[in-house]
Amino acid sequence: MAQSFRDDCEDQSTDPFLGRMETQCSRIRRYRSELIRTQGRQLSYDEAALEWIERYAESFARDHDNP
């Protein structure tokens, strides 16, 4: 059975890479909540994740790769 993005985001870690992934998951959850609140869009966590990745992953990586 395939896991959703949400399932992969539940673990807390001190590893820098995993910490970055957890931050992305948090941003995706906020993005989804904002779309539901402001636009009334009902989308799954996975749909929100795919949309967030398309829109924001590049800038997120740029902001988090530079110390």
Protein backbone atom coordinates (compact mmCIF):
# COMPACT_ATOMS: atom_id res chain seq x y z
CA MET A 1 0.00 0.00 0.00
CA ALA A 2 1.40 3.39 -1.00
CA GLN A 3 2.01 6.00 1.64
CA SER A 4 0.85 9.55 1.16
CA PHE A 5 3.14 12.55 1.54
CA ARG A 6 1.39 13.23 4.86
CA ASP A 7 2.42 9.85 6.27
CA ASP A 8 6.03 10.59 5.41
CA CYS A 9 5.93 13.91 7.26
CA GLU A 10 4.92 12.73 10.70
CA ASP A 11 8.32 11.75 12.12
CA GLN A 12 10.39 14.32 14.00
CA SER A 13 14.15 14.24 13.45
CA THR A 14 17.34 16.05 14.32
CA ASP A 15 18.88 15.16 10.94
CA PRO A 16 19.27 18.38 8.86
CA PHE A 17 17.79 16.83 5.71
CA LEU A 18 14.81 15.42 7.58
CA GLY A 19 14.37 18.72 9.39
CA ARG A 20 14.18 20.47 6.03
CA MET A 21 11.60 17.94 4.84
CA GLU A 22 9.56 18.48 8.00
CA THR A 23 9.63 22.22 7.36
CA GLN A 24 8.36 21.62 3.82
CA CYS A 25 5.58 19.41 5.18
CA SER A 26 4.57 22.13 7.60
CA ARG A 27 4.48 24.69 4.79
CA ILE A 28 2.37 22.35 2.68
CA ARG A 29 -0.12 21.88 5.52
CA ARG A 30 -0.38 25.66 5.94
CA TYR A 31 -0.74 26.10 2.17
CA ARG A 32 -3.59 23.57 2.09
CA SER A 33 -5.33 25.19 5.05
CA GLU A 34 -5.02 28.61 3.45
CA LEU A 35 -6.54 27.38 0.18
CA ILE A 36 -9.42 25.78 2.04
CA ARG A 37 -10.01 28.93 4.11
CA THR A 38 -9.62 31.57 1.40
CA GLN A 39 -10.82 29.77 -1.73
CA GLY A 40 -13.02 27.05 -0.34
CA ARG A 41 -11.02 24.50 -2.31
CA GLN A 42 -11.27 20.98 -0.98
CA LEU A 43 -8.04 19.24 -1.88
CA SER A 44 -6.25 16.31 -0.35
CA TYR A 45 -2.92 16.67 1.36
CA ASP A 46 -1.25 14.94 -1.60
CA GLU A 47 -2.90 17.33 -4.08
CA ALA A 48 -1.77 20.30 -2.00
CA ALA A 49 1.75 18.86 -1.79
CA LEU A 50 2.01 18.46 -5.56
CA GLU A 51 0.72 21.98 -6.12
CA TRP A 52 3.01 23.49 -3.46
CA ILE A 53 6.01 21.67 -4.92
CA GLU A 54 5.26 23.02 -8.40
CA ARG A 55 4.88 26.58 -7.10
CA TYR A 56 7.33 26.91 -4.23
CA ALA A 57 9.90 24.09 -4.09
CA GLU A 58 12.51 25.95 -6.12
CA SER A 59 12.44 29.06 -3.94
CA PHE A 60 12.27 26.94 -0.77
CA ALA A 61 15.39 25.05 -1.84
CA ARG A 62 17.17 28.27 -2.71
CA ASP A 63 16.31 29.80 0.68
CA HIS A 64 17.28 26.70 2.65
CA ASP A 65 20.44 25.72 0.77
CA ASN A 66 22.18 28.99 1.54
CA PRO A 67 23.45 29.19 5.13
